[in-house]
Amino acid sequence: MFWNDGVVSDIINQENDKMRVIAGKARRIPLVTVKGMETRPTTDRTKETLFNMIAHRLCDCTFLDLFSGSGAIGIEAISRGVKKAVFVENNPNAIQCIMENLKKTQLEDQAEVIREDVFSALRRLDGREKFDYVFMDPPYNHMLEKEVLTYLAKSDLLEKDALIIVEASLATDFSYLEELGFLMIKQKKYKTNMHVFISVEE
């Protein structure tokens, strides 16, 4: 596992029985989450719905988890068969949660953790890695997902059949996707947010 920064704060939540690995080799292991509202953990129910839709094609894939928070999504992906996940997060408390959760699940050897803003990390990875999956859960209603997608469209980060998944508010606009060469293939709406599934347009 690679981690490109040093000491971080030790302020993390205690184990939360509502946040755990759902399936795979780390099944049922509880995860720690970040205190406060700076990050917004994906609920277990939403996470289970998401992975039920993609689990059949995870085996031996590479997974990029942007705005990682506690790392729960990338860790779930590794647990279910992804060969490597890269976690990108700039919040030091969230970084500590990712490191703690990887240690608890014993998945460190399949993880790379980058403490850096997302756009610096994308530039670092471009030309070095290609991903089958990109998941992002940026702060809502700041159009950060559009900025990331704009970068991905011109990058060499995506495998030919890559799937991009964006967690966003229900009000988020994705009408620009075709202009970037992407295609929305599915939307899954929940009570307050949604997952948008995006592929490279053929």
N, C-alpha and C. Protein backbone atom coordinates (compact mmCIF):
# COMPACT_ATOMS: atom_id res chain seq x y z
N MET A 1 0.84 -1.19 0.00
CA MET A 1 0.00 0.00 0.00
C MET A 1 0.88 1.24 0.00
N PHE A 2 0.46 2.27 -0.71
CA PHE A 2 1.20 3.52 -0.78
C PHE A 2 0.41 4.61 -0.10
N TRP A 3 1.07 5.38 0.74
CA TRP A 3 0.45 6.54 1.38
C TRP A 3 1.45 7.66 1.30
N ASN A 4 1.09 8.79 0.68
CA ASN A 4 2.10 9.79 0.34
C ASN A 4 2.15 10.95 1.30
N ASP A 5 1.70 10.75 2.56
CA ASP A 5 1.81 11.83 3.52
C ASP A 5 2.04 11.25 4.90
N GLY A 6 2.33 12.11 5.86
CA GLY A 6 2.74 11.65 7.17
C GLY A 6 1.66 11.70 8.22
N VAL A 7 1.93 12.40 9.32
CA VAL A 7 1.08 12.36 10.50
C VAL A 7 -0.26 13.03 10.24
N VAL A 8 -1.32 12.43 10.74
CA VAL A 8 -2.65 13.02 10.62
C VAL A 8 -3.32 13.01 11.99
N SER A 9 -4.41 13.76 12.10
CA SER A 9 -5.15 13.82 13.35
C SER A 9 -5.74 12.47 13.70
N ASP A 10 -5.91 12.22 15.01
CA ASP A 10 -6.48 10.95 15.43
C ASP A 10 -7.95 11.09 15.81
N ILE A 11 -8.62 12.14 15.30
CA ILE A 11 -10.02 12.36 15.65
C ILE A 11 -10.90 11.57 14.69
N ILE A 12 -11.37 10.42 15.14
CA ILE A 12 -12.26 9.60 14.32
C ILE A 12 -13.39 9.08 15.18
N ASN A 13 -14.48 8.70 14.55
CA ASN A 13 -15.59 8.12 15.27
C ASN A 13 -15.24 6.73 15.77
N GLN A 14 -15.92 6.32 16.79
CA GLN A 14 -15.84 4.93 17.20
C GLN A 14 -16.56 4.07 16.15
N GLU A 15 -16.34 2.76 16.23
CA GLU A 15 -16.97 1.85 15.28
C GLU A 15 -18.48 2.09 15.28
N ASN A 16 -19.04 2.14 14.11
CA ASN A 16 -20.46 2.42 13.95
C ASN A 16 -21.12 1.19 13.36
N ASP A 17 -22.06 0.59 14.11
CA ASP A 17 -22.63 -0.66 13.63
C ASP A 17 -23.51 -0.45 12.40
N LYS A 18 -23.68 0.78 11.97
CA LYS A 18 -24.44 1.03 10.75
C LYS A 18 -23.52 1.17 9.54
N MET A 19 -22.22 1.13 9.75
CA MET A 19 -21.26 1.26 8.66
C MET A 19 -20.30 0.09 8.71
N ARG A 20 -20.42 -0.80 7.73
CA ARG A 20 -19.58 -1.99 7.73
C ARG A 20 -19.42 -2.48 6.30
N VAL A 21 -18.48 -3.39 6.10
CA VAL A 21 -18.34 -4.05 4.80
C VAL A 21 -19.50 -5.01 4.64
N ILE A 22 -20.16 -4.96 3.50
CA ILE A 22 -21.39 -5.73 3.32
C ILE A 22 -21.14 -7.15 2.83
N ALA A 23 -20.20 -7.32 1.89
CA ALA A 23 -20.00 -8.63 1.28
C ALA A 23 -18.54 -8.84 0.93
N GLY A 24 -18.21 -10.10 0.61
CA GLY A 24 -16.85 -10.42 0.18
C GLY A 24 -15.97 -10.88 1.32
N LYS A 25 -14.67 -10.84 1.09
CA LYS A 25 -13.74 -11.41 2.06
C LYS A 25 -13.63 -10.63 3.36
N ALA A 26 -14.04 -9.36 3.36
CA ALA A 26 -14.04 -8.56 4.60
C ALA A 26 -15.46 -8.37 5.14
N ARG A 27 -16.37 -9.22 4.74
CA ARG A 27 -17.78 -9.08 5.11
C ARG A 27 -17.98 -8.91 6.60
N ARG A 28 -18.85 -7.96 6.96
CA ARG A 28 -19.31 -7.69 8.32
C ARG A 28 -18.30 -6.97 9.19
N ILE A 29 -17.13 -6.68 8.69
CA ILE A 29 -16.16 -5.93 9.49
C ILE A 29 -16.64 -4.49 9.63
N PRO A 30 -16.79 -3.97 10.85
CA PRO A 30 -17.25 -2.59 11.03
C PRO A 30 -16.19 -1.59 10.62
N LEU A 31 -16.63 -0.43 10.13
CA LEU A 31 -15.73 0.62 9.67
C LEU A 31 -15.89 1.87 10.52
N VAL A 32 -14.80 2.61 10.66
CA VAL A 32 -14.88 3.91 11.33
C VAL A 32 -15.20 4.98 10.30
N THR A 33 -15.83 6.05 10.75
CA THR A 33 -16.19 7.16 9.87
C THR A 33 -15.70 8.47 10.48
N VAL A 34 -15.72 9.52 9.67
CA VAL A 34 -15.19 10.81 10.10
C VAL A 34 -16.21 11.54 10.95
N LYS A 35 -15.76 12.16 12.03
CA LYS A 35 -16.65 12.97 12.86
C LYS A 35 -17.11 14.20 12.10
N GLY A 36 -18.30 14.67 12.44
CA GLY A 36 -18.79 15.93 11.88
C GLY A 36 -19.41 15.74 10.51
N MET A 37 -19.62 16.85 9.82
CA MET A 37 -20.35 16.86 8.55
C MET A 37 -19.47 17.16 7.35
N GLU A 38 -18.14 17.15 7.53
CA GLU A 38 -17.26 17.45 6.40
C GLU A 38 -17.32 16.37 5.34
N THR A 39 -17.55 15.14 5.76
CA THR A 39 -17.74 14.06 4.80
C THR A 39 -19.15 13.51 4.98
N ARG A 40 -19.63 12.77 3.99
CA ARG A 40 -21.01 12.32 3.97
C ARG A 40 -21.01 10.84 3.61
N PRO A 41 -20.87 9.95 4.61
CA PRO A 41 -20.75 8.53 4.28
C PRO A 41 -21.97 8.00 3.52
N THR A 42 -21.71 7.19 2.52
CA THR A 42 -22.78 6.50 1.81
C THR A 42 -23.38 5.46 2.75
N THR A 43 -24.68 5.48 2.94
CA THR A 43 -25.30 4.53 3.86
C THR A 43 -25.12 3.10 3.36
N ASP A 44 -25.18 2.15 4.29
CA ASP A 44 -25.02 0.75 3.91
C ASP A 44 -26.09 0.31 2.92
N ARG A 45 -27.30 0.81 3.11
CA ARG A 45 -28.38 0.41 2.20
C ARG A 45 -28.10 0.90 0.78
N THR A 46 -27.67 2.15 0.66
CA THR A 46 -27.33 2.70 -0.66
C THR A 46 -26.13 1.98 -1.25
N LYS A 47 -25.15 1.71 -0.41
CA LYS A 47 -23.94 1.01 -0.86
C LYS A 47 -24.29 -0.40 -1.37
N GLU A 48 -25.16 -1.07 -0.65
CA GLU A 48 -25.55 -2.41 -1.08
C GLU A 48 -26.28 -2.37 -2.42
N THR A 49 -27.16 -1.39 -2.60
CA THR A 49 -27.86 -1.24 -3.88
C THR A 49 -26.88 -1.00 -5.01
N LEU A 50 -25.91 -0.12 -4.76
CA LEU A 50 -24.89 0.19 -5.76
C LEU A 50 -24.13 -1.07 -6.17
N PHE A 51 -23.62 -1.80 -5.20
CA PHE A 51 -22.78 -2.95 -5.52
C PHE A 51 -23.57 -4.13 -6.07
N ASN A 52 -24.84 -4.21 -5.75
CA ASN A 52 -25.66 -5.24 -6.39
C ASN A 52 -25.74 -5.03 -7.90
N MET A 53 -25.61 -3.77 -8.33
CA MET A 53 -25.70 -3.46 -9.76
C MET A 53 -24.40 -3.71 -10.50
N ILE A 54 -23.26 -3.72 -9.80
CA ILE A 54 -21.98 -3.83 -10.50
C ILE A 54 -21.15 -5.04 -10.06
N ALA A 55 -21.61 -5.79 -9.08
CA ALA A 55 -20.79 -6.86 -8.50
C ALA A 55 -20.36 -7.90 -9.51
N HIS A 56 -21.16 -8.14 -10.53
CA HIS A 56 -20.88 -9.22 -11.48
C HIS A 56 -19.65 -8.96 -12.34
N ARG A 57 -19.15 -7.70 -12.37
CA ARG A 57 -18.01 -7.42 -13.23
C ARG A 57 -16.84 -6.78 -12.47
N LEU A 58 -16.76 -6.99 -11.16
CA LEU A 58 -15.71 -6.38 -10.36
C LEU A 58 -14.41 -7.18 -10.36
N CYS A 59 -14.48 -8.46 -10.55
CA CYS A 59 -13.33 -9.34 -10.35
C CYS A 59 -12.13 -8.90 -11.18
N ASP A 60 -10.98 -8.73 -10.50
CA ASP A 60 -9.70 -8.39 -11.12
C ASP A 60 -9.68 -7.02 -11.79
N CYS A 61 -10.59 -6.15 -11.42
CA CYS A 61 -10.62 -4.80 -11.98
C CYS A 61 -9.80 -3.83 -11.13
N THR A 62 -9.59 -2.64 -11.68
CA THR A 62 -8.95 -1.55 -10.95
C THR A 62 -10.01 -0.49 -10.67
N PHE A 63 -9.92 0.13 -9.48
CA PHE A 63 -10.99 0.98 -8.96
C PHE A 63 -10.39 2.27 -8.43
N LEU A 64 -10.90 3.40 -8.89
CA LEU A 64 -10.45 4.71 -8.41
C LEU A 64 -11.57 5.32 -7.59
N ASP A 65 -11.30 5.60 -6.32
CA ASP A 65 -12.29 6.15 -5.38
C ASP A 65 -11.90 7.59 -5.08
N LEU A 66 -12.59 8.54 -5.71
CA LEU A 66 -12.30 9.97 -5.54
C LEU A 66 -13.19 10.58 -4.47
N PHE A 67 -12.64 11.57 -3.74
CA PHE A 67 -13.35 12.14 -2.59
C PHE A 67 -13.75 11.00 -1.66
N SER A 68 -12.76 10.22 -1.22
CA SER A 68 -12.99 8.90 -0.63
C SER A 68 -13.69 8.90 0.72
N GLY A 69 -13.58 9.99 1.48
CA GLY A 69 -14.16 9.97 2.83
C GLY A 69 -13.52 8.90 3.68
N SER A 70 -14.32 8.01 4.25
CA SER A 70 -13.80 6.94 5.10
C SER A 70 -13.23 5.78 4.30
N GLY A 71 -13.40 5.81 2.98
CA GLY A 71 -12.89 4.73 2.14
C GLY A 71 -13.84 3.55 1.99
N ALA A 72 -15.08 3.69 2.47
CA ALA A 72 -16.00 2.55 2.51
C ALA A 72 -16.31 1.99 1.13
N ILE A 73 -16.39 2.85 0.12
CA ILE A 73 -16.74 2.35 -1.22
C ILE A 73 -15.59 1.56 -1.82
N GLY A 74 -14.39 2.12 -1.78
CA GLY A 74 -13.24 1.41 -2.32
C GLY A 74 -12.94 0.12 -1.58
N ILE A 75 -13.13 0.14 -0.26
CA ILE A 75 -12.91 -1.06 0.54
C ILE A 75 -13.94 -2.13 0.19
N GLU A 76 -15.19 -1.74 0.01
CA GLU A 76 -16.21 -2.70 -0.43
C GLU A 76 -15.84 -3.31 -1.77
N ALA A 77 -15.29 -2.47 -2.66
CA ALA A 77 -14.90 -2.96 -3.99
C ALA A 77 -13.79 -4.00 -3.89
N ILE A 78 -12.78 -3.73 -3.05
CA ILE A 78 -11.70 -4.71 -2.89
C ILE A 78 -12.25 -5.99 -2.28
N SER A 79 -13.07 -5.85 -1.26
CA SER A 79 -13.63 -7.02 -0.60
C SER A 79 -14.38 -7.91 -1.58
N ARG A 80 -14.98 -7.30 -2.60
CA ARG A 80 -15.79 -8.05 -3.57
C ARG A 80 -15.01 -8.49 -4.81
N GLY A 81 -13.69 -8.28 -4.84
CA GLY A 81 -12.91 -8.87 -5.91
C GLY A 81 -12.05 -7.94 -6.73
N VAL A 82 -12.14 -6.63 -6.51
CA VAL A 82 -11.27 -5.69 -7.22
C VAL A 82 -9.82 -5.98 -6.84
N LYS A 83 -8.92 -5.97 -7.81
CA LYS A 83 -7.53 -6.32 -7.51
C LYS A 83 -6.76 -5.16 -6.90
N LYS A 84 -7.16 -3.91 -7.21
CA LYS A 84 -6.50 -2.74 -6.62
C LYS A 84 -7.46 -1.57 -6.62
N ALA A 85 -7.45 -0.83 -5.50
CA ALA A 85 -8.21 0.41 -5.41
C ALA A 85 -7.29 1.54 -5.01
N VAL A 86 -7.46 2.68 -5.65
CA VAL A 86 -6.73 3.89 -5.31
C VAL A 86 -7.71 4.86 -4.65
N PHE A 87 -7.36 5.30 -3.45
CA PHE A 87 -8.20 6.21 -2.68
C PHE A 87 -7.59 7.61 -2.73
N VAL A 88 -8.41 8.60 -3.09
CA VAL A 88 -7.94 9.99 -3.15
C VAL A 88 -8.78 10.82 -2.19
N GLU A 89 -8.10 11.44 -1.23
CA GLU A 89 -8.79 12.23 -0.21
C GLU A 89 -7.82 13.27 0.33
N ASN A 90 -8.33 14.47 0.63
CA ASN A 90 -7.46 15.55 1.09
C ASN A 90 -7.70 15.92 2.55
N ASN A 91 -8.73 15.34 3.18
CA ASN A 91 -9.05 15.62 4.57
C ASN A 91 -8.21 14.71 5.48
N PRO A 92 -7.36 15.27 6.35
CA PRO A 92 -6.48 14.42 7.16
C PRO A 92 -7.23 13.47 8.07
N ASN A 93 -8.37 13.90 8.61
CA ASN A 93 -9.15 12.99 9.46
C ASN A 93 -9.72 11.85 8.65
N ALA A 94 -10.16 12.14 7.44
CA ALA A 94 -10.67 11.08 6.56
C ALA A 94 -9.55 10.12 6.17
N ILE A 95 -8.37 10.66 5.91
CA ILE A 95 -7.22 9.80 5.59
C ILE A 95 -6.97 8.82 6.72
N GLN A 96 -7.04 9.30 7.95
CA GLN A 96 -6.81 8.38 9.07
C GLN A 96 -7.88 7.29 9.10
N CYS A 97 -9.12 7.66 8.80
CA CYS A 97 -10.18 6.65 8.75
C CYS A 97 -9.89 5.59 7.68
N ILE A 98 -9.47 6.04 6.50
CA ILE A 98 -9.14 5.09 5.42
C ILE A 98 -8.05 4.13 5.88
N MET A 99 -6.99 4.69 6.48
CA MET A 99 -5.88 3.84 6.93
C MET A 99 -6.34 2.85 7.99
N GLU A 100 -7.15 3.32 8.94
CA GLU A 100 -7.65 2.44 9.99
C GLU A 100 -8.55 1.36 9.40
N ASN A 101 -9.40 1.73 8.47
CA ASN A 101 -10.32 0.75 7.88
C ASN A 101 -9.60 -0.27 7.02
N LEU A 102 -8.58 0.14 6.31
CA LEU A 102 -7.79 -0.81 5.54
C LEU A 102 -7.06 -1.79 6.46
N LYS A 103 -6.58 -1.28 7.58
CA LYS A 103 -5.91 -2.15 8.54
C LYS A 103 -6.90 -3.15 9.15
N LYS A 104 -8.08 -2.66 9.53
CA LYS A 104 -9.09 -3.54 10.14
C LYS A 104 -9.54 -4.63 9.18
N THR A 105 -9.64 -4.30 7.90
CA THR A 105 -10.11 -5.27 6.91
C THR A 105 -8.98 -6.10 6.31
N GLN A 106 -7.73 -5.75 6.65
CA GLN A 106 -6.54 -6.45 6.13
C GLN A 106 -6.49 -6.41 4.61
N LEU A 107 -6.83 -5.24 4.06
CA LEU A 107 -6.82 -5.06 2.60
C LEU A 107 -5.74 -4.08 2.15
N GLU A 108 -4.78 -3.78 3.03
CA GLU A 108 -3.77 -2.76 2.71
C GLU A 108 -2.97 -3.07 1.45
N ASP A 109 -2.71 -4.36 1.21
CA ASP A 109 -1.85 -4.73 0.09
C ASP A 109 -2.50 -4.47 -1.27
N GLN A 110 -3.79 -4.25 -1.28
CA GLN A 110 -4.49 -3.98 -2.55
C GLN A 110 -4.92 -2.52 -2.66
N ALA A 111 -4.35 -1.67 -1.82
CA ALA A 111 -4.78 -0.27 -1.76
C ALA A 111 -3.61 0.69 -1.94
N GLU A 112 -3.91 1.81 -2.55
CA GLU A 112 -3.00 2.96 -2.62
C GLU A 112 -3.79 4.17 -2.14
N VAL A 113 -3.26 4.88 -1.17
CA VAL A 113 -3.95 6.02 -0.59
C VAL A 113 -3.16 7.28 -0.89
N ILE A 114 -3.81 8.24 -1.53
CA ILE A 114 -3.16 9.49 -1.90
C ILE A 114 -3.83 10.63 -1.15
N ARG A 115 -3.07 11.30 -0.28
CA ARG A 115 -3.59 12.48 0.39
C ARG A 115 -3.24 13.70 -0.46
N GLU A 116 -4.22 14.13 -1.23
CA GLU A 116 -4.00 15.21 -2.18
C GLU A 116 -5.36 15.64 -2.69
N ASP A 117 -5.46 16.87 -3.22
CA ASP A 117 -6.72 17.24 -3.85
C ASP A 117 -6.91 16.40 -5.10
N VAL A 118 -8.16 16.22 -5.49
CA VAL A 118 -8.49 15.28 -6.56
C VAL A 118 -7.79 15.61 -7.86
N PHE A 119 -7.71 16.87 -8.23
CA PHE A 119 -7.15 17.22 -9.53
C PHE A 119 -5.64 17.03 -9.57
N SER A 120 -4.96 17.29 -8.47
CA SER A 120 -3.53 16.99 -8.40
C SER A 120 -3.30 15.48 -8.49
N ALA A 121 -4.16 14.72 -7.82
CA ALA A 121 -4.02 13.26 -7.84
C ALA A 121 -4.28 12.71 -9.24
N LEU A 122 -5.27 13.25 -9.93
CA LEU A 122 -5.55 12.79 -11.29
C LEU A 122 -4.34 13.04 -12.20
N ARG A 123 -3.72 14.19 -12.05
CA ARG A 123 -2.52 14.48 -12.85
C ARG A 123 -1.39 13.52 -12.49
N ARG A 124 -1.28 13.19 -11.21
CA ARG A 124 -0.25 12.25 -10.76
C ARG A 124 -0.46 10.86 -11.37
N LEU A 125 -1.72 10.44 -11.43
CA LEU A 125 -2.04 9.10 -11.89
C LEU A 125 -2.08 8.98 -13.41
N ASP A 126 -2.35 10.07 -14.10
CA ASP A 126 -2.52 10.05 -15.55
C ASP A 126 -1.24 9.58 -16.24
N GLY A 127 -1.37 8.56 -17.06
CA GLY A 127 -0.21 7.99 -17.73
C GLY A 127 0.46 6.89 -16.95
N ARG A 128 0.07 6.74 -15.67
CA ARG A 128 0.64 5.69 -14.81
C ARG A 128 -0.33 4.57 -14.54
N GLU A 129 -1.62 4.90 -14.45
CA GLU A 129 -2.65 3.92 -14.12
C GLU A 129 -3.82 4.06 -15.09
N LYS A 130 -4.52 2.96 -15.30
CA LYS A 130 -5.80 2.97 -16.01
C LYS A 130 -6.82 2.25 -15.12
N PHE A 131 -8.06 2.73 -15.16
CA PHE A 131 -9.07 2.22 -14.25
C PHE A 131 -10.28 1.68 -14.99
N ASP A 132 -10.80 0.56 -14.45
CA ASP A 132 -12.04 -0.02 -14.96
C ASP A 132 -13.24 0.69 -14.35
N TYR A 133 -13.07 1.19 -13.12
CA TYR A 133 -14.13 1.91 -12.42
C TYR A 133 -13.59 3.20 -11.84
N VAL A 134 -14.37 4.26 -11.94
CA VAL A 134 -14.10 5.49 -11.22
C VAL A 134 -15.36 5.83 -10.44
N PHE A 135 -15.23 5.92 -9.13
CA PHE A 135 -16.35 6.33 -8.28
C PHE A 135 -16.01 7.68 -7.68
N MET A 136 -16.97 8.60 -7.68
CA MET A 136 -16.74 9.89 -7.02
C MET A 136 -17.98 10.32 -6.25
N ASP A 137 -17.73 10.89 -5.08
CA ASP A 137 -18.79 11.42 -4.23
C ASP A 137 -18.36 12.81 -3.77
N PRO A 138 -18.33 13.78 -4.69
CA PRO A 138 -17.86 15.13 -4.34
C PRO A 138 -18.89 15.89 -3.52
N PRO A 139 -18.48 16.98 -2.88
CA PRO A 139 -19.48 17.85 -2.23
C PRO A 139 -20.58 18.22 -3.22
N TYR A 140 -21.81 18.17 -2.75
CA TYR A 140 -22.94 18.38 -3.64
C TYR A 140 -23.05 19.83 -4.11
N ASN A 141 -23.54 19.96 -5.34
CA ASN A 141 -23.96 21.25 -5.90
C ASN A 141 -22.83 22.27 -6.03
N HIS A 142 -21.62 21.77 -6.29
CA HIS A 142 -20.49 22.65 -6.60
C HIS A 142 -19.92 22.40 -7.99
N MET A 143 -20.55 21.52 -8.73
CA MET A 143 -20.14 21.18 -10.10
C MET A 143 -18.76 20.54 -10.17
N LEU A 144 -18.29 20.00 -9.06
CA LEU A 144 -16.98 19.35 -9.08
C LEU A 144 -16.99 18.10 -9.94
N GLU A 145 -18.14 17.40 -9.97
CA GLU A 145 -18.22 16.22 -10.82
C GLU A 145 -18.02 16.58 -12.29
N LYS A 146 -18.49 17.75 -12.71
CA LYS A 146 -18.28 18.17 -14.10
C LYS A 146 -16.80 18.44 -14.36
N GLU A 147 -16.13 19.06 -13.41
CA GLU A 147 -14.69 19.32 -13.57
C GLU A 147 -13.92 18.02 -13.67
N VAL A 148 -14.27 17.04 -12.83
CA VAL A 148 -13.58 15.75 -12.88
C VAL A 148 -13.85 15.05 -14.20
N LEU A 149 -15.10 15.03 -14.62
CA LEU A 149 -15.45 14.38 -15.88
C LEU A 149 -14.78 15.06 -17.07
N THR A 150 -14.65 16.36 -17.02
CA THR A 150 -13.95 17.09 -18.09
C THR A 150 -12.50 16.65 -18.16
N TYR A 151 -11.87 16.48 -16.98
CA TYR A 151 -10.49 16.00 -16.98
C TYR A 151 -10.41 14.56 -17.48
N LEU A 152 -11.29 13.70 -17.00
CA LEU A 152 -11.25 12.29 -17.41
C LEU A 152 -11.44 12.14 -18.91
N ALA A 153 -12.25 13.00 -19.52
CA ALA A 153 -12.55 12.90 -20.95
C ALA A 153 -11.30 13.07 -21.81
N LYS A 154 -10.35 13.85 -21.34
CA LYS A 154 -9.14 14.10 -22.13
C LYS A 154 -7.93 13.35 -21.59
N SER A 155 -8.15 12.52 -20.57
CA SER A 155 -7.04 11.84 -19.90
C SER A 155 -6.81 10.46 -20.50
N ASP A 156 -5.78 9.79 -19.97
CA ASP A 156 -5.50 8.40 -20.33
C ASP A 156 -5.75 7.49 -19.13
N LEU A 157 -6.73 7.87 -18.31
CA LEU A 157 -6.97 7.16 -17.05
C LEU A 157 -8.01 6.05 -17.16
N LEU A 158 -8.78 6.03 -18.24
CA LEU A 158 -9.90 5.11 -18.34
C LEU A 158 -9.61 3.94 -19.26
N GLU A 159 -9.93 2.74 -18.79
CA GLU A 159 -9.91 1.59 -19.68
C GLU A 159 -11.02 1.74 -20.71
N LYS A 160 -10.93 0.97 -21.77
CA LYS A 160 -11.87 1.10 -22.88
C LYS A 160 -13.32 0.97 -22.44
N ASP A 161 -13.60 0.01 -21.56
CA ASP A 161 -14.97 -0.24 -21.11
C ASP A 161 -15.22 0.29 -19.71
N ALA A 162 -14.52 1.34 -19.33
CA ALA A 162 -14.60 1.87 -17.96
C ALA A 162 -16.02 2.35 -17.64
N LEU A 163 -16.36 2.22 -16.36
CA LEU A 163 -17.63 2.72 -15.86
C LEU A 163 -17.34 3.78 -14.80
N ILE A 164 -17.95 4.94 -14.96
CA ILE A 164 -17.83 6.03 -14.00
C ILE A 164 -19.14 6.12 -13.23
N ILE A 165 -19.03 6.19 -11.91
CA ILE A 165 -20.22 6.29 -11.06
C ILE A 165 -20.10 7.56 -10.23
N VAL A 166 -21.12 8.41 -10.32
CA VAL A 166 -21.13 9.66 -9.57
C VAL A 166 -22.26 9.62 -8.57
N GLU A 167 -21.95 9.88 -7.31
CA GLU A 167 -22.98 10.09 -6.30
C GLU A 167 -23.23 11.59 -6.23
N ALA A 168 -24.48 12.00 -6.40
CA ALA A 168 -24.79 13.42 -6.52
C ALA A 168 -26.17 13.71 -5.96
N SER A 169 -26.45 14.99 -5.75
CA SER A 169 -27.79 15.39 -5.33
C SER A 169 -28.76 15.17 -6.49
N LEU A 170 -30.03 15.09 -6.16
CA LEU A 170 -31.04 14.88 -7.18
C LEU A 170 -31.14 16.04 -8.15
N ALA A 171 -30.66 17.22 -7.74
CA ALA A 171 -30.75 18.41 -8.59
C ALA A 171 -29.55 18.57 -9.53
N THR A 172 -28.58 17.67 -9.46
CA THR A 172 -27.37 17.82 -10.25
C THR A 172 -27.64 17.65 -11.74
N ASP A 173 -27.09 18.55 -12.52
CA ASP A 173 -27.28 18.54 -13.98
C ASP A 173 -26.17 17.74 -14.65
N PHE A 174 -26.56 16.81 -15.52
CA PHE A 174 -25.60 16.03 -16.29
C PHE A 174 -25.86 16.16 -17.79
N SER A 175 -26.52 17.22 -18.20
CA SER A 175 -26.90 17.39 -19.61
C SER A 175 -25.70 17.58 -20.53
N TYR A 176 -24.54 17.84 -19.97
CA TYR A 176 -23.33 18.11 -20.74
C TYR A 176 -22.56 16.84 -21.12
N LEU A 177 -23.00 15.68 -20.67
CA LEU A 177 -22.19 14.47 -20.81
C LEU A 177 -21.81 14.17 -22.26
N GLU A 178 -22.75 14.26 -23.16
CA GLU A 178 -22.46 13.93 -24.56
C GLU A 178 -21.41 14.87 -25.15
N GLU A 179 -21.40 16.11 -24.71
CA GLU A 179 -20.39 17.06 -25.19
C GLU A 179 -18.99 16.61 -24.81
N LEU A 180 -18.88 15.89 -23.70
CA LEU A 180 -17.58 15.40 -23.25
C LEU A 180 -17.24 14.03 -23.81
N GLY A 181 -18.17 13.43 -24.53
CA GLY A 181 -17.94 12.10 -25.10
C GLY A 181 -18.37 10.97 -24.19
N PHE A 182 -19.25 11.29 -23.22
CA PHE A 182 -19.75 10.28 -22.30
C PHE A 182 -21.22 9.99 -22.57
N LEU A 183 -21.66 8.87 -22.03
CA LEU A 183 -23.05 8.46 -22.17
C LEU A 183 -23.59 8.04 -20.81
N MET A 184 -24.72 8.62 -20.40
CA MET A 184 -25.37 8.18 -19.18
C MET A 184 -26.12 6.89 -19.47
N ILE A 185 -25.75 5.83 -18.79
CA ILE A 185 -26.39 4.54 -19.07
C ILE A 185 -27.43 4.15 -18.03
N LYS A 186 -27.38 4.80 -16.85
CA LYS A 186 -28.36 4.47 -15.82
C LYS A 186 -28.34 5.55 -14.74
N GLN A 187 -29.51 5.79 -14.16
CA GLN A 187 -29.64 6.60 -12.97
C GLN A 187 -30.37 5.79 -11.92
N LYS A 188 -29.86 5.79 -10.71
CA LYS A 188 -30.55 5.15 -9.60
C LYS A 188 -30.82 6.23 -8.55
N LYS A 189 -32.09 6.59 -8.38
CA LYS A 189 -32.45 7.67 -7.47
C LYS A 189 -32.87 7.12 -6.11
N TYR A 190 -32.41 7.82 -5.07
CA TYR A 190 -32.77 7.52 -3.70
C TYR A 190 -33.59 8.69 -3.15
N LYS A 191 -33.79 8.73 -1.87
CA LYS A 191 -34.64 9.76 -1.29
C LYS A 191 -34.07 11.16 -1.48
N THR A 192 -32.77 11.32 -1.26
CA THR A 192 -32.17 12.66 -1.32
C THR A 192 -31.02 12.77 -2.32
N ASN A 193 -30.60 11.66 -2.90
CA ASN A 193 -29.47 11.71 -3.83
C ASN A 193 -29.63 10.62 -4.90
N MET A 194 -28.61 10.46 -5.70
CA MET A 194 -28.68 9.45 -6.77
C MET A 194 -27.28 8.99 -7.16
N HIS A 195 -27.24 7.83 -7.80
CA HIS A 195 -26.03 7.35 -8.46
C HIS A 195 -26.26 7.45 -9.97
N VAL A 196 -25.30 8.02 -10.64
CA VAL A 196 -25.35 8.17 -12.09
C VAL A 196 -24.24 7.32 -12.68
N PHE A 197 -24.58 6.44 -13.61
CA PHE A 197 -23.64 5.50 -14.22
C PHE A 197 -23.32 6.01 -15.62
N ILE A 198 -22.04 6.18 -15.88
CA ILE A 198 -21.58 6.86 -17.09
C ILE A 198 -20.52 6.00 -17.79
N SER A 199 -20.63 5.89 -19.10
CA SER A 199 -19.62 5.17 -19.88
C SER A 199 -19.06 6.09 -20.95
N VAL A 200 -17.94 5.68 -21.53
CA VAL A 200 -17.39 6.40 -22.67
C VAL A 200 -18.24 6.10 -23.88
N GLU A 201 -18.67 7.14 -24.59
CA GLU A 201 -19.54 6.96 -25.73
C GLU A 201 -18.78 6.29 -26.87
N GLU A 202 -19.35 5.25 -27.45
CA GLU A 202 -18.68 4.52 -28.54
C GLU A 202 -18.94 5.20 -29.86
